[in-house]
Amino acid sequence: MCELYVKADPILYESRSRSLRICGVVTTLRLENQFWDILTEIAEADGMTTNQLVAKLYEEVMNYRGEVINFASFLRVSCTRHLSQRRLQAPELSVVPRNTGHA
């Protein structure tokens, strides 16, 4: 089982910083590449850029919660929730065939 994780391409868990404007303020966010990729996927599905999506998520969570203690963590959780939701909508995409040892 661990082989699935340990063989992940190191570029996926390498961190990358991006500068973007949120509510008129330029800020820098640092996330692992895989999370940036997922955010890009979500943004493209919604017809936005990744920066537009991140700014929109920030505005919406601020309107709903009034504060965001750790926005980078919020984005990571948002990505995992997106993947979970996608799996529920298309369960056949998440089924990984098991090697039974039979030819």
PDB file of N, CA and C in Angstrom:
ATOM      1  N   MET A   1       0.814  -1.192   0.000  1.00  0.00           N
ATOM      2  CA  MET A   1       0.000   0.000   0.000  1.00  0.00           C
ATOM      3  C   MET A   1       0.862   1.262   0.000  1.00  0.00           C
ATOM      4  N   CYS A   2       1.891   1.301   0.813  1.00  0.00           N
ATOM      5  CA  CYS A   2       2.717   2.505   0.917  1.00  0.00           C
ATOM      6  C   CYS A   2       3.426   2.832  -0.386  1.00  0.00           C
ATOM      7  N   GLU A   3       3.614   1.832  -1.225  1.00  0.00           N
ATOM      8  CA  GLU A   3       4.288   2.038  -2.495  1.00  0.00           C
ATOM      9  C   GLU A   3       3.575   3.114  -3.325  1.00  0.00           C
ATOM     10  N   LEU A   4       2.261   3.144  -3.268  1.00  0.00           N
ATOM     11  CA  LEU A   4       1.483   4.146  -3.986  1.00  0.00           C
ATOM     12  C   LEU A   4       1.913   5.551  -3.579  1.00  0.00           C
ATOM     13  N   TYR A   5       2.200   5.730  -2.319  1.00  0.00           N
ATOM     14  CA  TYR A   5       2.557   7.057  -1.794  1.00  0.00           C
ATOM     15  C   TYR A   5       4.041   7.370  -1.966  1.00  0.00           C
ATOM     16  N   VAL A   6       4.888   6.419  -1.650  1.00  0.00           N
ATOM     17  CA  VAL A   6       6.323   6.704  -1.683  1.00  0.00           C
ATOM     18  C   VAL A   6       6.868   6.858  -3.097  1.00  0.00           C
ATOM     19  N   LYS A   7       6.152   6.335  -4.074  1.00  0.00           N
ATOM     20  CA  LYS A   7       6.589   6.467  -5.467  1.00  0.00           C
ATOM     21  C   LYS A   7       6.034   7.725  -6.134  1.00  0.00           C
ATOM     22  N   ALA A   8       5.370   8.582  -5.364  1.00  0.00           N
ATOM     23  CA  ALA A   8       4.851   9.833  -5.924  1.00  0.00           C
ATOM     24  C   ALA A   8       6.008  10.686  -6.432  1.00  0.00           C
ATOM     25  N   ASP A   9       5.793  11.323  -7.549  1.00  0.00           N
ATOM     26  CA  ASP A   9       6.794  12.212  -8.123  1.00  0.00           C
ATOM     27  C   ASP A   9       7.068  13.345  -7.130  1.00  0.00           C
ATOM     28  N   PRO A  10       8.319  13.555  -6.731  1.00  0.00           N
ATOM     29  CA  PRO A  10       8.642  14.602  -5.757  1.00  0.00           C
ATOM     30  C   PRO A  10       8.182  16.000  -6.179  1.00  0.00           C
ATOM     31  N   ILE A  11       8.009  16.226  -7.466  1.00  0.00           N
ATOM     32  CA  ILE A  11       7.551  17.537  -7.912  1.00  0.00           C
ATOM     33  C   ILE A  11       6.142  17.822  -7.374  1.00  0.00           C
ATOM     34  N   LEU A  12       5.358  16.770  -7.124  1.00  0.00           N
ATOM     35  CA  LEU A  12       3.996  16.963  -6.615  1.00  0.00           C
ATOM     36  C   LEU A  12       3.976  17.547  -5.210  1.00  0.00           C
ATOM     37  N   TYR A  13       4.931  17.174  -4.386  1.00  0.00           N
ATOM     38  CA  TYR A  13       4.922  17.695  -3.019  1.00  0.00           C
ATOM     39  C   TYR A  13       5.934  18.813  -2.794  1.00  0.00           C
ATOM     40  N   GLU A  14       6.570  19.231  -3.868  1.00  0.00           N
ATOM     41  CA  GLU A  14       7.419  20.422  -3.788  1.00  0.00           C
ATOM     42  C   GLU A  14       6.521  21.651  -3.641  1.00  0.00           C
ATOM     43  N   SER A  15       6.901  22.563  -2.768  1.00  0.00           N
ATOM     44  CA  SER A  15       6.106  23.768  -2.544  1.00  0.00           C
ATOM     45  C   SER A  15       6.447  24.842  -3.558  1.00  0.00           C
ATOM     46  N   ARG A  16       5.432  25.631  -3.876  1.00  0.00           N
ATOM     47  CA  ARG A  16       5.618  26.749  -4.797  1.00  0.00           C
ATOM     48  C   ARG A  16       4.832  27.927  -4.259  1.00  0.00           C
ATOM     49  N   SER A  17       5.434  29.097  -4.310  1.00  0.00           N
ATOM     50  CA  SER A  17       4.764  30.324  -3.871  1.00  0.00           C
ATOM     51  C   SER A  17       4.189  31.046  -5.074  1.00  0.00           C
ATOM     52  N   ARG A  18       3.040  31.667  -4.848  1.00  0.00           N
ATOM     53  CA  ARG A  18       2.413  32.491  -5.873  1.00  0.00           C
ATOM     54  C   ARG A  18       2.004  33.804  -5.242  1.00  0.00           C
ATOM     55  N   SER A  19       2.261  34.877  -5.971  1.00  0.00           N
ATOM     56  CA  SER A  19       1.768  36.188  -5.544  1.00  0.00           C
ATOM     57  C   SER A  19       0.448  36.435  -6.231  1.00  0.00           C
ATOM     58  N   LEU A  20      -0.516  36.893  -5.463  1.00  0.00           N
ATOM     59  CA  LEU A  20      -1.812  37.219  -6.026  1.00  0.00           C
ATOM     60  C   LEU A  20      -2.468  38.333  -5.227  1.00  0.00           C
ATOM     61  N   ARG A  21      -3.480  38.911  -5.818  1.00  0.00           N
ATOM     62  CA  ARG A  21      -4.201  40.019  -5.183  1.00  0.00           C
ATOM     63  C   ARG A  21      -5.504  39.485  -4.610  1.00  0.00           C
ATOM     64  N   ILE A  22      -5.677  39.686  -3.314  1.00  0.00           N
ATOM     65  CA  ILE A  22      -6.906  39.296  -2.636  1.00  0.00           C
ATOM     66  C   ILE A  22      -7.468  40.537  -1.954  1.00  0.00           C
ATOM     67  N   CYS A  23      -8.671  40.897  -2.329  1.00  0.00           N
ATOM     68  CA  CYS A  23      -9.334  42.091  -1.772  1.00  0.00           C
ATOM     69  C   CYS A  23      -8.448  43.329  -1.912  1.00  0.00           C
ATOM     70  N   GLY A  24      -7.778  43.433  -3.037  1.00  0.00           N
ATOM     71  CA  GLY A  24      -6.948  44.601  -3.308  1.00  0.00           C
ATOM     72  C   GLY A  24      -5.570  44.582  -2.682  1.00  0.00           C
ATOM     73  N   VAL A  25      -5.245  43.527  -1.962  1.00  0.00           N
ATOM     74  CA  VAL A  25      -3.946  43.430  -1.292  1.00  0.00           C
ATOM     75  C   VAL A  25      -3.131  42.317  -1.955  1.00  0.00           C
ATOM     76  N   VAL A  26      -1.894  42.620  -2.318  1.00  0.00           N
ATOM     77  CA  VAL A  26      -1.015  41.603  -2.890  1.00  0.00           C
ATOM     78  C   VAL A  26      -0.478  40.750  -1.748  1.00  0.00           C
ATOM     79  N   THR A  27      -0.613  39.453  -1.899  1.00  0.00           N
ATOM     80  CA  THR A  27      -0.149  38.524  -0.883  1.00  0.00           C
ATOM     81  C   THR A  27       0.515  37.333  -1.559  1.00  0.00           C
ATOM     82  N   THR A  28       1.225  36.550  -0.803  1.00  0.00           N
ATOM     83  CA  THR A  28       1.894  35.371  -1.321  1.00  0.00           C
ATOM     84  C   THR A  28       1.347  34.146  -0.615  1.00  0.00           C
ATOM     85  N   LEU A  29       1.030  33.136  -1.400  1.00  0.00           N
ATOM     86  CA  LEU A  29       0.576  31.857  -0.855  1.00  0.00           C
ATOM     87  C   LEU A  29       1.561  30.777  -1.258  1.00  0.00           C
ATOM     88  N   ARG A  30       1.848  29.883  -0.321  1.00  0.00           N
ATOM     89  CA  ARG A  30       2.762  28.773  -0.595  1.00  0.00           C
ATOM     90  C   ARG A  30       1.994  27.470  -0.403  1.00  0.00           C
ATOM     91  N   LEU A  31       1.882  26.703  -1.490  1.00  0.00           N
ATOM     92  CA  LEU A  31       1.226  25.399  -1.463  1.00  0.00           C
ATOM     93  C   LEU A  31       2.059  24.405  -2.245  1.00  0.00           C
ATOM     94  N   GLU A  32       1.833  23.144  -2.001  1.00  0.00           N
ATOM     95  CA  GLU A  32       2.470  22.100  -2.772  1.00  0.00           C
ATOM     96  C   GLU A  32       1.907  22.123  -4.195  1.00  0.00           C
ATOM     97  N   ASN A  33       2.733  21.721  -5.159  1.00  0.00           N
ATOM     98  CA  ASN A  33       2.333  21.756  -6.569  1.00  0.00           C
ATOM     99  C   ASN A  33       1.033  21.007  -6.843  1.00  0.00           C
ATOM    100  N   GLN A  34       0.838  19.879  -6.183  1.00  0.00           N
ATOM    101  CA  GLN A  34      -0.379  19.118  -6.444  1.00  0.00           C
ATOM    102  C   GLN A  34      -1.628  19.923  -6.060  1.00  0.00           C
ATOM    103  N   PHE A  35      -1.556  20.697  -4.993  1.00  0.00           N
ATOM    104  CA  PHE A  35      -2.710  21.523  -4.618  1.00  0.00           C
ATOM    105  C   PHE A  35      -2.930  22.646  -5.621  1.00  0.00           C
ATOM    106  N   TRP A  36      -1.845  23.240  -6.129  1.00  0.00           N
ATOM    107  CA  TRP A  36      -2.005  24.256  -7.176  1.00  0.00           C
ATOM    108  C   TRP A  36      -2.669  23.629  -8.400  1.00  0.00           C
ATOM    109  N   ASP A  37      -2.287  22.396  -8.743  1.00  0.00           N
ATOM    110  CA  ASP A  37      -2.879  21.714  -9.892  1.00  0.00           C
ATOM    111  C   ASP A  37      -4.382  21.496  -9.696  1.00  0.00           C
ATOM    112  N   ILE A  38      -4.769  21.082  -8.505  1.00  0.00           N
ATOM    113  CA  ILE A  38      -6.190  20.852  -8.219  1.00  0.00           C
ATOM    114  C   ILE A  38      -6.958  22.168  -8.263  1.00  0.00           C
ATOM    115  N   LEU A  39      -6.389  23.219  -7.690  1.00  0.00           N
ATOM    116  CA  LEU A  39      -7.052  24.528  -7.743  1.00  0.00           C
ATOM    117  C   LEU A  39      -7.217  24.992  -9.191  1.00  0.00           C
ATOM    118  N   THR A  40      -6.220  24.737 -10.025  1.00  0.00           N
ATOM    119  CA  THR A  40      -6.320  25.097 -11.444  1.00  0.00           C
ATOM    120  C   THR A  40      -7.450  24.323 -12.110  1.00  0.00           C
ATOM    121  N   GLU A  41      -7.570  23.055 -11.784  1.00  0.00           N
ATOM    122  CA  GLU A  41      -8.644  22.221 -12.331  1.00  0.00           C
ATOM    123  C   GLU A  41     -10.019  22.778 -11.937  1.00  0.00           C
ATOM    124  N   ILE A  42     -10.167  23.135 -10.664  1.00  0.00           N
ATOM    125  CA  ILE A  42     -11.435  23.699 -10.188  1.00  0.00           C
ATOM    126  C   ILE A  42     -11.725  25.018 -10.893  1.00  0.00           C
ATOM    127  N   ALA A  43     -10.709  25.865 -10.982  1.00  0.00           N
ATOM    128  CA  ALA A  43     -10.873  27.181 -11.608  1.00  0.00           C
ATOM    129  C   ALA A  43     -11.292  27.041 -13.062  1.00  0.00           C
ATOM    130  N   GLU A  44     -10.626  26.170 -13.800  1.00  0.00           N
ATOM    131  CA  GLU A  44     -10.950  25.988 -15.216  1.00  0.00           C
ATOM    132  C   GLU A  44     -12.379  25.491 -15.393  1.00  0.00           C
ATOM    133  N   ALA A  45     -12.830  24.599 -14.513  1.00  0.00           N
ATOM    134  CA  ALA A  45     -14.199  24.092 -14.587  1.00  0.00           C
ATOM    135  C   ALA A  45     -15.217  25.208 -14.348  1.00  0.00           C
ATOM    136  N   ASP A  46     -14.803  26.229 -13.580  1.00  0.00           N
ATOM    137  CA  ASP A  46     -15.688  27.360 -13.277  1.00  0.00           C
ATOM    138  C   ASP A  46     -15.430  28.564 -14.181  1.00  0.00           C
ATOM    139  N   GLY A  47     -14.567  28.394 -15.179  1.00  0.00           N
ATOM    140  CA  GLY A  47     -14.288  29.473 -16.120  1.00  0.00           C
ATOM    141  C   GLY A  47     -13.512  30.636 -15.528  1.00  0.00           C
ATOM    142  N   MET A  48     -12.612  30.318 -14.593  1.00  0.00           N
ATOM    143  CA  MET A  48     -11.809  31.346 -13.933  1.00  0.00           C
ATOM    144  C   MET A  48     -10.337  30.993 -14.025  1.00  0.00           C
ATOM    145  N   THR A  49      -9.506  31.967 -13.681  1.00  0.00           N
ATOM    146  CA  THR A  49      -8.091  31.683 -13.473  1.00  0.00           C
ATOM    147  C   THR A  49      -7.939  31.157 -12.048  1.00  0.00           C
ATOM    148  N   THR A  50      -6.793  30.564 -11.786  1.00  0.00           N
ATOM    149  CA  THR A  50      -6.533  30.067 -10.429  1.00  0.00           C
ATOM    150  C   THR A  50      -6.532  31.226  -9.432  1.00  0.00           C
ATOM    151  N   ASN A  51      -5.923  32.336  -9.803  1.00  0.00           N
ATOM    152  CA  ASN A  51      -5.894  33.497  -8.904  1.00  0.00           C
ATOM    153  C   ASN A  51      -7.295  34.023  -8.624  1.00  0.00           C
ATOM    154  N   GLN A  52      -8.153  34.052  -9.646  1.00  0.00           N
ATOM    155  CA  GLN A  52      -9.533  34.496  -9.440  1.00  0.00           C
ATOM    156  C   GLN A  52     -10.267  33.560  -8.490  1.00  0.00           C
ATOM    157  N   LEU A  53     -10.063  32.257  -8.658  1.00  0.00           N
ATOM    158  CA  LEU A  53     -10.703  31.283  -7.776  1.00  0.00           C
ATOM    159  C   LEU A  53     -10.249  31.472  -6.338  1.00  0.00           C
ATOM    160  N   VAL A  54      -8.952  31.604  -6.131  1.00  0.00           N
ATOM    161  CA  VAL A  54      -8.418  31.759  -4.775  1.00  0.00           C
ATOM    162  C   VAL A  54      -8.984  33.026  -4.125  1.00  0.00           C
ATOM    163  N   ALA A  55      -9.031  34.117  -4.880  1.00  0.00           N
ATOM    164  CA  ALA A  55      -9.582  35.367  -4.348  1.00  0.00           C
ATOM    165  C   ALA A  55     -11.059  35.196  -4.008  1.00  0.00           C
ATOM    166  N   LYS A  56     -11.804  34.506  -4.869  1.00  0.00           N
ATOM    167  CA  LYS A  56     -13.230  34.282  -4.625  1.00  0.00           C
ATOM    168  C   LYS A  56     -13.436  33.410  -3.386  1.00  0.00           C
ATOM    169  N   LEU A  57     -12.652  32.350  -3.250  1.00  0.00           N
ATOM    170  CA  LEU A  57     -12.752  31.503  -2.063  1.00  0.00           C
ATOM    171  C   LEU A  57     -12.468  32.307  -0.793  1.00  0.00           C
ATOM    172  N   TYR A  58     -11.461  33.158  -0.853  1.00  0.00           N
ATOM    173  CA  TYR A  58     -11.129  33.983   0.310  1.00  0.00           C
ATOM    174  C   TYR A  58     -12.314  34.885   0.674  1.00  0.00           C
ATOM    175  N   GLU A  59     -12.855  35.572  -0.316  1.00  0.00           N
ATOM    176  CA  GLU A  59     -13.979  36.467  -0.058  1.00  0.00           C
ATOM    177  C   GLU A  59     -15.173  35.711   0.508  1.00  0.00           C
ATOM    178  N   GLU A  60     -15.460  34.546  -0.057  1.00  0.00           N
ATOM    179  CA  GLU A  60     -16.614  33.770   0.404  1.00  0.00           C
ATOM    180  C   GLU A  60     -16.423  33.232   1.816  1.00  0.00           C
ATOM    181  N   VAL A  61     -15.239  32.730   2.132  1.00  0.00           N
ATOM    182  CA  VAL A  61     -15.024  32.210   3.483  1.00  0.00           C
ATOM    183  C   VAL A  61     -15.033  33.354   4.503  1.00  0.00           C
ATOM    184  N   MET A  62     -14.521  34.511   4.108  1.00  0.00           N
ATOM    185  CA  MET A  62     -14.569  35.673   5.008  1.00  0.00           C
ATOM    186  C   MET A  62     -16.016  36.114   5.247  1.00  0.00           C
ATOM    187  N   ASN A  63     -16.823  36.113   4.190  1.00  0.00           N
ATOM    188  CA  ASN A  63     -18.235  36.480   4.348  1.00  0.00           C
ATOM    189  C   ASN A  63     -18.975  35.482   5.221  1.00  0.00           C
ATOM    190  N   TYR A  64     -18.618  34.217   5.095  1.00  0.00           N
ATOM    191  CA  TYR A  64     -19.303  33.160   5.849  1.00  0.00           C
ATOM    192  C   TYR A  64     -18.797  33.030   7.284  1.00  0.00           C
ATOM    193  N   ARG A  65     -17.488  33.065   7.465  1.00  0.00           N
ATOM    194  CA  ARG A  65     -16.873  32.832   8.780  1.00  0.00           C
ATOM    195  C   ARG A  65     -16.431  34.105   9.498  1.00  0.00           C
ATOM    196  N   GLY A  66     -16.101  35.134   8.723  1.00  0.00           N
ATOM    197  CA  GLY A  66     -15.620  36.368   9.337  1.00  0.00           C
ATOM    198  C   GLY A  66     -14.122  36.414   9.544  1.00  0.00           C
ATOM    199  N   GLU A  67     -13.465  35.264   9.439  1.00  0.00           N
ATOM    200  CA  GLU A  67     -12.012  35.200   9.569  1.00  0.00           C
ATOM    201  C   GLU A  67     -11.512  33.897   8.954  1.00  0.00           C
ATOM    202  N   VAL A  68     -10.243  33.889   8.621  1.00  0.00           N
ATOM    203  CA  VAL A  68      -9.586  32.679   8.127  1.00  0.00           C
ATOM    204  C   VAL A  68      -8.265  32.596   8.862  1.00  0.00           C
ATOM    205  N   ILE A  69      -8.158  31.631   9.751  1.00  0.00           N
ATOM    206  CA  ILE A  69      -6.955  31.527  10.571  1.00  0.00           C
ATOM    207  C   ILE A  69      -5.752  31.066   9.751  1.00  0.00           C
ATOM    208  N   ASN A  70      -5.957  30.067   8.885  1.00  0.00           N
ATOM    209  CA  ASN A  70      -4.865  29.556   8.058  1.00  0.00           C
ATOM    210  C   ASN A  70      -5.413  29.313   6.658  1.00  0.00           C
ATOM    211  N   PHE A  71      -5.296  30.311   5.802  1.00  0.00           N
ATOM    212  CA  PHE A  71      -5.900  30.244   4.476  1.00  0.00           C
ATOM    213  C   PHE A  71      -5.276  29.154   3.612  1.00  0.00           C
ATOM    214  N   ALA A  72      -3.981  28.927   3.719  1.00  0.00           N
ATOM    215  CA  ALA A  72      -3.342  27.865   2.937  1.00  0.00           C
ATOM    216  C   ALA A  72      -3.924  26.504   3.313  1.00  0.00           C
ATOM    217  N   SER A  73      -4.134  26.275   4.596  1.00  0.00           N
ATOM    218  CA  SER A  73      -4.755  25.021   5.033  1.00  0.00           C
ATOM    219  C   SER A  73      -6.192  24.929   4.543  1.00  0.00           C
ATOM    220  N   PHE A  74      -6.905  26.049   4.564  1.00  0.00           N
ATOM    221  CA  PHE A  74      -8.267  26.075   4.039  1.00  0.00           C
ATOM    222  C   PHE A  74      -8.268  25.645   2.566  1.00  0.00           C
ATOM    223  N   LEU A  75      -7.312  26.128   1.796  1.00  0.00           N
ATOM    224  CA  LEU A  75      -7.237  25.761   0.381  1.00  0.00           C
ATOM    225  C   LEU A  75      -6.931  24.280   0.208  1.00  0.00           C
ATOM    226  N   ARG A  76      -6.047  23.735   1.042  1.00  0.00           N
ATOM    227  CA  ARG A  76      -5.737  22.300   0.957  1.00  0.00           C
ATOM    228  C   ARG A  76      -6.984  21.469   1.251  1.00  0.00           C
ATOM    229  N   VAL A  77      -7.701  21.854   2.295  1.00  0.00           N
ATOM    230  CA  VAL A  77      -8.928  21.139   2.650  1.00  0.00           C
ATOM    231  C   VAL A  77      -9.962  21.287   1.539  1.00  0.00           C
ATOM    232  N   SER A  78     -10.053  22.455   0.946  1.00  0.00           N
ATOM    233  CA  SER A  78     -10.975  22.662  -0.176  1.00  0.00           C
ATOM    234  C   SER A  78     -10.643  21.714  -1.324  1.00  0.00           C
ATOM    235  N   CYS A  79      -9.362  21.527  -1.585  1.00  0.00           N
ATOM    236  CA  CYS A  79      -8.938  20.602  -2.646  1.00  0.00           C
ATOM    237  C   CYS A  79      -9.338  19.169  -2.314  1.00  0.00           C
ATOM    238  N   THR A  80      -9.122  18.742  -1.092  1.00  0.00           N
ATOM    239  CA  THR A  80      -9.476  17.370  -0.728  1.00  0.00           C
ATOM    240  C   THR A  80     -10.988  17.183  -0.739  1.00  0.00           C
ATOM    241  N   ARG A  81     -11.734  18.218  -0.358  1.00  0.00           N
ATOM    242  CA  ARG A  81     -13.196  18.136  -0.434  1.00  0.00           C
ATOM    243  C   ARG A  81     -13.653  18.049  -1.887  1.00  0.00           C
ATOM    244  N   HIS A  82     -12.989  18.774  -2.765  1.00  0.00           N
ATOM    245  CA  HIS A  82     -13.308  18.700  -4.195  1.00  0.00           C
ATOM    246  C   HIS A  82     -13.082  17.280  -4.709  1.00  0.00           C
ATOM    247  N   LEU A  83     -11.951  16.683  -4.346  1.00  0.00           N
ATOM    248  CA  LEU A  83     -11.661  15.325  -4.794  1.00  0.00           C
ATOM    249  C   LEU A  83     -12.675  14.327  -4.237  1.00  0.00           C
ATOM    250  N   SER A  84     -13.069  14.503  -2.984  1.00  0.00           N
ATOM    251  CA  SER A  84     -14.076  13.619  -2.378  1.00  0.00           C
ATOM    252  C   SER A  84     -15.414  13.766  -3.090  1.00  0.00           C
ATOM    253  N   GLN A  85     -15.794  14.989  -3.381  1.00  0.00           N
ATOM    254  CA  GLN A  85     -17.059  15.248  -4.071  1.00  0.00           C
ATOM    255  C   GLN A  85     -17.034  14.645  -5.471  1.00  0.00           C
ATOM    256  N   ARG A  86     -15.930  14.798  -6.151  1.00  0.00           N
ATOM    257  CA  ARG A  86     -15.786  14.240  -7.494  1.00  0.00           C
ATOM    258  C   ARG A  86     -15.894  12.719  -7.448  1.00  0.00           C
ATOM    259  N   ARG A  87     -15.310  12.115  -6.433  1.00  0.00           N
ATOM    260  CA  ARG A  87     -15.367  10.661  -6.280  1.00  0.00           C
ATOM    261  C   ARG A  87     -16.803  10.201  -6.034  1.00  0.00           C
ATOM    262  N   LEU A  88     -17.560  10.977  -5.264  1.00  0.00           N
ATOM    263  CA  LEU A  88     -18.962  10.623  -5.004  1.00  0.00           C
ATOM    264  C   LEU A  88     -19.812  10.749  -6.264  1.00  0.00           C
ATOM    265  N   GLN A  89     -19.483  11.730  -7.103  1.00  0.00           N
ATOM    266  CA  GLN A  89     -20.253  11.948  -8.322  1.00  0.00           C
ATOM    267  C   GLN A  89     -19.913  10.946  -9.412  1.00  0.00           C
ATOM    268  N   ALA A  90     -18.706  10.424  -9.394  1.00  0.00           N
ATOM    269  CA  ALA A  90     -18.275   9.458 -10.408  1.00  0.00           C
ATOM    270  C   ALA A  90     -17.485   8.343  -9.731  1.00  0.00           C
ATOM    271  N   PRO A  91     -18.162   7.489  -8.966  1.00  0.00           N
ATOM    272  CA  PRO A  91     -17.432   6.468  -8.196  1.00  0.00           C
ATOM    273  C   PRO A  91     -16.601   5.526  -9.051  1.00  0.00           C
ATOM    274  N   GLU A  92     -16.976   5.326 -10.316  1.00  0.00           N
ATOM    275  CA  GLU A  92     -16.193   4.415 -11.160  1.00  0.00           C
ATOM    276  C   GLU A  92     -14.792   4.947 -11.418  1.00  0.00           C
ATOM    277  N   LEU A  93     -14.587   6.269 -11.268  1.00  0.00           N
ATOM    278  CA  LEU A  93     -13.264   6.844 -11.476  1.00  0.00           C
ATOM    279  C   LEU A  93     -12.324   6.579 -10.304  1.00  0.00           C
ATOM    280  N   SER A  94     -12.889   6.249  -9.141  1.00  0.00           N
ATOM    281  CA  SER A  94     -12.042   6.068  -7.971  1.00  0.00           C
ATOM    282  C   SER A  94     -11.756   4.602  -7.672  1.00  0.00           C
ATOM    283  N   VAL A  95     -12.299   3.701  -8.470  1.00  0.00           N
ATOM    284  CA  VAL A  95     -12.063   2.281  -8.240  1.00  0.00           C
ATOM    285  C   VAL A  95     -10.712   1.899  -8.831  1.00  0.00           C
ATOM    286  N   VAL A  96      -9.859   1.348  -7.992  1.00  0.00           N
ATOM    287  CA  VAL A  96      -8.542   0.893  -8.428  1.00  0.00           C
ATOM    288  C   VAL A  96      -8.570  -0.630  -8.419  1.00  0.00           C
ATOM    289  N   PRO A  97      -8.357  -1.257  -9.573  1.00  0.00           N
ATOM    290  CA  PRO A  97      -8.383  -2.727  -9.605  1.00  0.00           C
ATOM    291  C   PRO A  97      -7.285  -3.324  -8.723  1.00  0.00           C
ATOM    292  N   ARG A  98      -7.628  -4.354  -8.021  1.00  0.00           N
ATOM    293  CA  ARG A  98      -6.665  -5.031  -7.168  1.00  0.00           C
ATOM    294  C   ARG A  98      -6.006  -6.163  -7.947  1.00  0.00           C
ATOM    295  N   ASN A  99      -4.736  -6.363  -7.675  1.00  0.00           N
ATOM    296  CA  ASN A  99      -4.014  -7.459  -8.289  1.00  0.00           C
ATOM    297  C   ASN A  99      -4.308  -8.707  -7.472  1.00  0.00           C
ATOM    298  N   THR A 100      -5.074  -9.630  -8.053  1.00  0.00           N
ATOM    299  CA  THR A 100      -5.465 -10.836  -7.327  1.00  0.00           C
ATOM    300  C   THR A 100      -4.444 -11.943  -7.479  1.00  0.00           C
ATOM    301  N   GLY A 101      -3.473 -11.750  -8.362  1.00  0.00           N
ATOM    302  CA  GLY A 101      -2.456 -12.773  -8.563  1.00  0.00           C
ATOM    303  C   GLY A 101      -2.857 -13.793  -9.592  1.00  0.00           C
ATOM    304  N   HIS A 102      -4.073 -13.685 -10.136  1.00  0.00           N
ATOM    305  CA  HIS A 102      -4.532 -14.626 -11.166  1.00  0.00           C
ATOM    306  C   HIS A 102      -4.177 -14.080 -12.547  1.00  0.00           C
ATOM    307  N   ALA A 103      -3.825 -14.969 -13.446  1.00  0.00           N
ATOM    308  CA  ALA A 103      -3.466 -14.567 -14.810  1.00  0.00           C
ATOM    309  C   ALA A 103      -4.697 -14.403 -15.671  1.00  0.00           C
TER     310      ALA A 103
END
